[in-house]
Amino acid sequence: MCDAPKVDAIKGNDGLAVMFVTQIVRGLVSLRSFDIYEPVVYVCGRVSLPSECPGREKPGAVLPFVILYSDLYLDGESTPTNLCIDMRKMGSVARFARRSCHPNVKLQHFFCGGKLHIIASATEKVERGDEVSSRMVVVFFCNTVMIDLKLLSIAAMACLILSSLFC
């Protein structure tokens, strides 16, 4: 997938807009249709280990504009290296993709020119006007002894309870 022009096109965020999806919440909305497996948005922010991410002092803390990515395997290791992508101070419009139990994009990574790139690709047909949503990361919750439930919304708790059956 290492094609510099394609990476630049994805970084342009063509076909996406940040809009109010409720009266007080902004989300990422598609302005055109995206086919399944098609790259939707480039994810950019401060990348660190979860333990190094400011504000995540408590394991399992859910922070706005912070994504936990757990699909990076380095040097043939059998366990993934978990990453925290902090988009609170800087980042792409991907920061407005809300978490969902029924996401329509999946985070994927690739290396191009010696750099790590993370994109969100469509897991299903995303129609014009659909809100772009990413997966509620439960891997971090399932491996955590304590969860600060005050930080979770009711919808996120329901998602956590349902998805904990699969951990």
C-alpha atoms as a PDB file:
ATOM      1  CA  MET A   1       0.000   0.000   0.000  1.00  0.00           C
ATOM      2  CA  CYS A   2       3.040   2.276   0.023  1.00  0.00           C
ATOM      3  CA  ASP A   3       2.080   4.708  -2.716  1.00  0.00           C
ATOM      4  CA  ALA A   4       3.023   8.299  -1.834  1.00  0.00           C
ATOM      5  CA  PRO A   5       0.380   9.945  -4.090  1.00  0.00           C
ATOM      6  CA  LYS A   6      -2.350   7.804  -2.501  1.00  0.00           C
ATOM      7  CA  VAL A   7      -1.106   8.686   0.984  1.00  0.00           C
ATOM      8  CA  ASP A   8      -1.203  12.386   0.059  1.00  0.00           C
ATOM      9  CA  ALA A   9      -4.742  11.998  -1.332  1.00  0.00           C
ATOM     10  CA  ILE A  10      -5.911  10.384   1.911  1.00  0.00           C
ATOM     11  CA  LYS A  11      -4.289  13.173   3.934  1.00  0.00           C
ATOM     12  CA  GLY A  12      -6.404  15.672   1.973  1.00  0.00           C
ATOM     13  CA  ASN A  13      -9.564  14.378   3.697  1.00  0.00           C
ATOM     14  CA  ASP A  14     -11.553  14.675   0.481  1.00  0.00           C
ATOM     15  CA  GLY A  15     -15.152  13.651   0.963  1.00  0.00           C
ATOM     16  CA  LEU A  16     -15.300  14.317   4.719  1.00  0.00           C
ATOM     17  CA  ALA A  17     -16.567  17.139   6.908  1.00  0.00           C
ATOM     18  CA  VAL A  18     -16.799  17.828  10.620  1.00  0.00           C
ATOM     19  CA  MET A  19     -20.456  18.533  11.411  1.00  0.00           C
ATOM     20  CA  PHE A  20     -22.773  18.603  14.387  1.00  0.00           C
ATOM     21  CA  VAL A  21     -24.268  15.104  14.668  1.00  0.00           C
ATOM     22  CA  THR A  22     -26.293  16.093  17.739  1.00  0.00           C
ATOM     23  CA  GLN A  23     -27.072  19.544  19.092  1.00  0.00           C
ATOM     24  CA  ILE A  24     -23.831  19.670  21.061  1.00  0.00           C
ATOM     25  CA  VAL A  25     -21.558  16.984  19.582  1.00  0.00           C
ATOM     26  CA  ARG A  26     -19.471  17.196  16.432  1.00  0.00           C
ATOM     27  CA  GLY A  27     -18.683  14.111  14.392  1.00  0.00           C
ATOM     28  CA  LEU A  28     -17.074  13.148  11.112  1.00  0.00           C
ATOM     29  CA  VAL A  29     -19.566  12.868   8.244  1.00  0.00           C
ATOM     30  CA  SER A  30     -18.963  11.529   4.738  1.00  0.00           C
ATOM     31  CA  LEU A  31     -19.736  13.862   1.846  1.00  0.00           C
ATOM     32  CA  ARG A  32     -19.491  11.019  -0.674  1.00  0.00           C
ATOM     33  CA  SER A  33     -19.806   7.242  -0.740  1.00  0.00           C
ATOM     34  CA  PHE A  34     -16.854   5.060   0.223  1.00  0.00           C
ATOM     35  CA  ASP A  35     -16.629   1.427  -0.896  1.00  0.00           C
ATOM     36  CA  ILE A  36     -15.708  -1.374   1.476  1.00  0.00           C
ATOM     37  CA  TYR A  37     -11.936  -1.480   2.178  1.00  0.00           C
ATOM     38  CA  GLU A  38     -11.490   2.002   0.676  1.00  0.00           C
ATOM     39  CA  PRO A  39      -9.287   4.345   2.742  1.00  0.00           C
ATOM     40  CA  VAL A  40     -11.517   6.992   4.319  1.00  0.00           C
ATOM     41  CA  VAL A  41      -9.313   9.179   6.505  1.00  0.00           C
ATOM     42  CA  TYR A  42      -5.674   9.580   7.507  1.00  0.00           C
ATOM     43  CA  VAL A  43      -5.094   9.375  11.261  1.00  0.00           C
ATOM     44  CA  CYS A  44      -2.456  11.692  12.637  1.00  0.00           C
ATOM     45  CA  GLY A  45      -1.507  12.824  16.112  1.00  0.00           C
ATOM     46  CA  ARG A  46       1.124  12.388  18.811  1.00  0.00           C
ATOM     47  CA  VAL A  47       1.999   8.681  18.930  1.00  0.00           C
ATOM     48  CA  SER A  48       3.202   7.149  22.189  1.00  0.00           C
ATOM     49  CA  LEU A  49       2.872   4.092  24.363  1.00  0.00           C
ATOM     50  CA  PRO A  50      -0.375   4.113  26.399  1.00  0.00           C
ATOM     51  CA  SER A  51       1.602   4.571  29.632  1.00  0.00           C
ATOM     52  CA  GLU A  52       3.220   7.718  28.173  1.00  0.00           C
ATOM     53  CA  CYS A  53      -0.038   9.370  27.064  1.00  0.00           C
ATOM     54  CA  PRO A  54      -0.910  12.384  29.250  1.00  0.00           C
ATOM     55  CA  GLY A  55      -4.232  11.940  31.028  1.00  0.00           C
ATOM     56  CA  ARG A  56      -4.193   8.140  30.916  1.00  0.00           C
ATOM     57  CA  GLU A  57      -2.830   7.700  34.416  1.00  0.00           C
ATOM     58  CA  LYS A  58      -5.608   5.220  35.152  1.00  0.00           C
ATOM     59  CA  PRO A  59      -5.543   2.122  32.918  1.00  0.00           C
ATOM     60  CA  GLY A  60      -8.611   1.937  30.694  1.00  0.00           C
ATOM     61  CA  ALA A  61      -9.266   5.684  30.781  1.00  0.00           C
ATOM     62  CA  VAL A  62     -11.261   6.817  27.748  1.00  0.00           C
ATOM     63  CA  LEU A  63     -10.244  10.268  26.561  1.00  0.00           C
ATOM     64  CA  PRO A  64     -11.801  12.379  23.817  1.00  0.00           C
ATOM     65  CA  PHE A  65      -9.625  12.721  20.700  1.00  0.00           C
ATOM     66  CA  VAL A  66      -7.354   9.864  21.851  1.00  0.00           C
ATOM     67  CA  ILE A  67      -7.332   6.546  20.001  1.00  0.00           C
ATOM     68  CA  LEU A  68      -5.816   3.331  21.281  1.00  0.00           C
ATOM     69  CA  TYR A  69      -4.403   1.171  18.483  1.00  0.00           C
ATOM     70  CA  SER A  70      -3.530  -2.464  19.169  1.00  0.00           C
ATOM     71  CA  ASP A  71      -2.808  -4.093  15.798  1.00  0.00           C
ATOM     72  CA  LEU A  72       0.905  -3.300  15.429  1.00  0.00           C
ATOM     73  CA  TYR A  73       3.180  -6.343  15.559  1.00  0.00           C
ATOM     74  CA  LEU A  74       6.903  -5.582  15.544  1.00  0.00           C
ATOM     75  CA  ASP A  75       9.725  -7.871  14.406  1.00  0.00           C
ATOM     76  CA  GLY A  76       7.604 -11.023  14.307  1.00  0.00           C
ATOM     77  CA  GLU A  77       6.478 -10.763  17.929  1.00  0.00           C
ATOM     78  CA  SER A  78       3.353 -12.708  18.883  1.00  0.00           C
ATOM     79  CA  THR A  79       1.900  -9.926  21.026  1.00  0.00           C
ATOM     80  CA  PRO A  80       0.989  -6.527  19.598  1.00  0.00           C
ATOM     81  CA  THR A  81       2.589  -3.248  20.573  1.00  0.00           C
ATOM     82  CA  ASN A  82      -0.204  -0.999  21.811  1.00  0.00           C
ATOM     83  CA  LEU A  83      -0.087   2.626  20.721  1.00  0.00           C
ATOM     84  CA  CYS A  84      -1.855   5.740  21.918  1.00  0.00           C
ATOM     85  CA  ILE A  85      -2.619   8.321  19.214  1.00  0.00           C
ATOM     86  CA  ASP A  86      -3.271  11.620  20.964  1.00  0.00           C
ATOM     87  CA  MET A  87      -5.088  14.094  18.685  1.00  0.00           C
ATOM     88  CA  ARG A  88      -6.121  16.589  21.384  1.00  0.00           C
ATOM     89  CA  LYS A  89      -3.633  19.341  20.445  1.00  0.00           C
ATOM     90  CA  MET A  90      -2.914  18.406  16.835  1.00  0.00           C
ATOM     91  CA  GLY A  91      -4.243  15.879  14.420  1.00  0.00           C
ATOM     92  CA  SER A  92      -6.366  15.205  11.406  1.00  0.00           C
ATOM     93  CA  VAL A  93     -10.147  15.343  11.136  1.00  0.00           C
ATOM     94  CA  ALA A  94     -10.053  11.657  12.132  1.00  0.00           C
ATOM     95  CA  ARG A  95     -10.204  12.919  15.713  1.00  0.00           C
ATOM     96  CA  PHE A  96     -13.919  13.595  15.197  1.00  0.00           C
ATOM     97  CA  ALA A  97     -14.723   9.983  14.290  1.00  0.00           C
ATOM     98  CA  ARG A  98     -16.675   8.880  17.342  1.00  0.00           C
ATOM     99  CA  ARG A  99     -16.372   5.443  18.948  1.00  0.00           C
ATOM    100  CA  SER A 100     -19.123   2.959  18.264  1.00  0.00           C
ATOM    101  CA  CYS A 101     -20.136  -0.642  18.856  1.00  0.00           C
ATOM    102  CA  HIS A 102     -21.137  -0.694  15.177  1.00  0.00           C
ATOM    103  CA  PRO A 103     -18.220   1.073  13.472  1.00  0.00           C
ATOM    104  CA  ASN A 104     -17.972   1.595   9.733  1.00  0.00           C
ATOM    105  CA  VAL A 105     -14.193   2.106   9.589  1.00  0.00           C
ATOM    106  CA  LYS A 106     -11.245   0.119  10.911  1.00  0.00           C
ATOM    107  CA  LEU A 107      -7.802   1.447  11.737  1.00  0.00           C
ATOM    108  CA  GLN A 108      -4.960  -0.048   9.720  1.00  0.00           C
ATOM    109  CA  HIS A 109      -1.272   0.734   9.548  1.00  0.00           C
ATOM    110  CA  PHE A 110       1.448   0.511   6.951  1.00  0.00           C
ATOM    111  CA  PHE A 111       5.027   1.656   6.602  1.00  0.00           C
ATOM    112  CA  CYS A 112       6.033   3.947   3.751  1.00  0.00           C
ATOM    113  CA  GLY A 113       9.440   5.586   3.455  1.00  0.00           C
ATOM    114  CA  GLY A 114      10.403   4.284   6.893  1.00  0.00           C
ATOM    115  CA  LYS A 115       7.443   6.009   8.545  1.00  0.00           C
ATOM    116  CA  LEU A 116       4.410   4.523  10.248  1.00  0.00           C
ATOM    117  CA  HIS A 117       1.105   5.625   8.704  1.00  0.00           C
ATOM    118  CA  ILE A 118      -2.323   4.863  10.169  1.00  0.00           C
ATOM    119  CA  ILE A 119      -5.506   5.161   8.143  1.00  0.00           C
ATOM    120  CA  ALA A 120      -9.144   4.319   8.710  1.00  0.00           C
ATOM    121  CA  SER A 121     -10.591   2.105   5.965  1.00  0.00           C
ATOM    122  CA  ALA A 122     -14.263   1.364   5.388  1.00  0.00           C
ATOM    123  CA  THR A 123     -15.449  -1.972   6.802  1.00  0.00           C
ATOM    124  CA  GLU A 124     -18.738  -1.614   4.955  1.00  0.00           C
ATOM    125  CA  LYS A 125     -20.208   0.675   2.327  1.00  0.00           C
ATOM    126  CA  VAL A 126     -20.229   4.196   3.784  1.00  0.00           C
ATOM    127  CA  GLU A 127     -22.934   6.254   2.115  1.00  0.00           C
ATOM    128  CA  ARG A 128     -22.980  10.007   1.639  1.00  0.00           C
ATOM    129  CA  GLY A 129     -24.236  11.577   4.875  1.00  0.00           C
ATOM    130  CA  ASP A 130     -23.194   8.659   7.121  1.00  0.00           C
ATOM    131  CA  GLU A 131     -21.280   9.429  10.285  1.00  0.00           C
ATOM    132  CA  VAL A 132     -17.816   7.865  10.267  1.00  0.00           C
ATOM    133  CA  SER A 133     -17.262   5.864  13.461  1.00  0.00           C
ATOM    134  CA  SER A 134     -14.384   3.764  14.750  1.00  0.00           C
ATOM    135  CA  ARG A 135     -14.324   0.678  16.921  1.00  0.00           C
ATOM    136  CA  MET A 136     -14.626   0.944  20.677  1.00  0.00           C
ATOM    137  CA  VAL A 137     -11.298  -0.571  21.702  1.00  0.00           C
ATOM    138  CA  VAL A 138     -12.063  -3.285  24.221  1.00  0.00           C
ATOM    139  CA  VAL A 139      -8.695  -5.023  24.154  1.00  0.00           C
ATOM    140  CA  PHE A 140      -7.385  -2.420  26.575  1.00  0.00           C
ATOM    141  CA  PHE A 141     -10.419  -2.815  28.839  1.00  0.00           C
ATOM    142  CA  CYS A 142     -10.288  -6.619  28.901  1.00  0.00           C
ATOM    143  CA  ASN A 143      -6.665  -6.546  30.000  1.00  0.00           C
ATOM    144  CA  THR A 144      -7.365  -4.004  32.719  1.00  0.00           C
ATOM    145  CA  VAL A 145      -8.324  -4.950  36.256  1.00  0.00           C
ATOM    146  CA  MET A 146     -10.040  -1.661  37.101  1.00  0.00           C
ATOM    147  CA  ILE A 147     -12.119   0.528  34.823  1.00  0.00           C
ATOM    148  CA  ASP A 148     -13.030   4.057  35.801  1.00  0.00           C
ATOM    149  CA  LEU A 149     -16.746   3.938  34.958  1.00  0.00           C
ATOM    150  CA  LYS A 150     -17.139   7.659  35.644  1.00  0.00           C
ATOM    151  CA  LEU A 151     -15.251   8.321  32.405  1.00  0.00           C
ATOM    152  CA  LEU A 152     -17.543   6.137  30.307  1.00  0.00           C
ATOM    153  CA  SER A 153     -20.869   7.193  28.870  1.00  0.00           C
ATOM    154  CA  ILE A 154     -23.904   4.915  29.244  1.00  0.00           C
ATOM    155  CA  ALA A 155     -23.599   3.880  25.589  1.00  0.00           C
ATOM    156  CA  ALA A 156     -19.909   3.111  26.038  1.00  0.00           C
ATOM    157  CA  MET A 157     -20.663   1.039  29.154  1.00  0.00           C
ATOM    158  CA  ALA A 158     -23.282  -0.957  27.242  1.00  0.00           C
ATOM    159  CA  CYS A 159     -20.772  -1.489  24.454  1.00  0.00           C
ATOM    160  CA  LEU A 160     -18.143  -2.549  26.998  1.00  0.00           C
ATOM    161  CA  ILE A 161     -20.502  -5.023  28.661  1.00  0.00           C
ATOM    162  CA  LEU A 162     -21.563  -6.556  25.354  1.00  0.00           C
ATOM    163  CA  SER A 163     -18.062  -6.751  23.952  1.00  0.00           C
ATOM    164  CA  SER A 164     -16.561  -8.127  27.170  1.00  0.00           C
ATOM    165  CA  LEU A 165     -18.319 -11.374  26.335  1.00  0.00           C
ATOM    166  CA  PHE A 166     -15.841 -11.801  23.480  1.00  0.00           C
ATOM    167  CA  CYS A 167     -12.652 -11.078  25.463  1.00  0.00           C
END
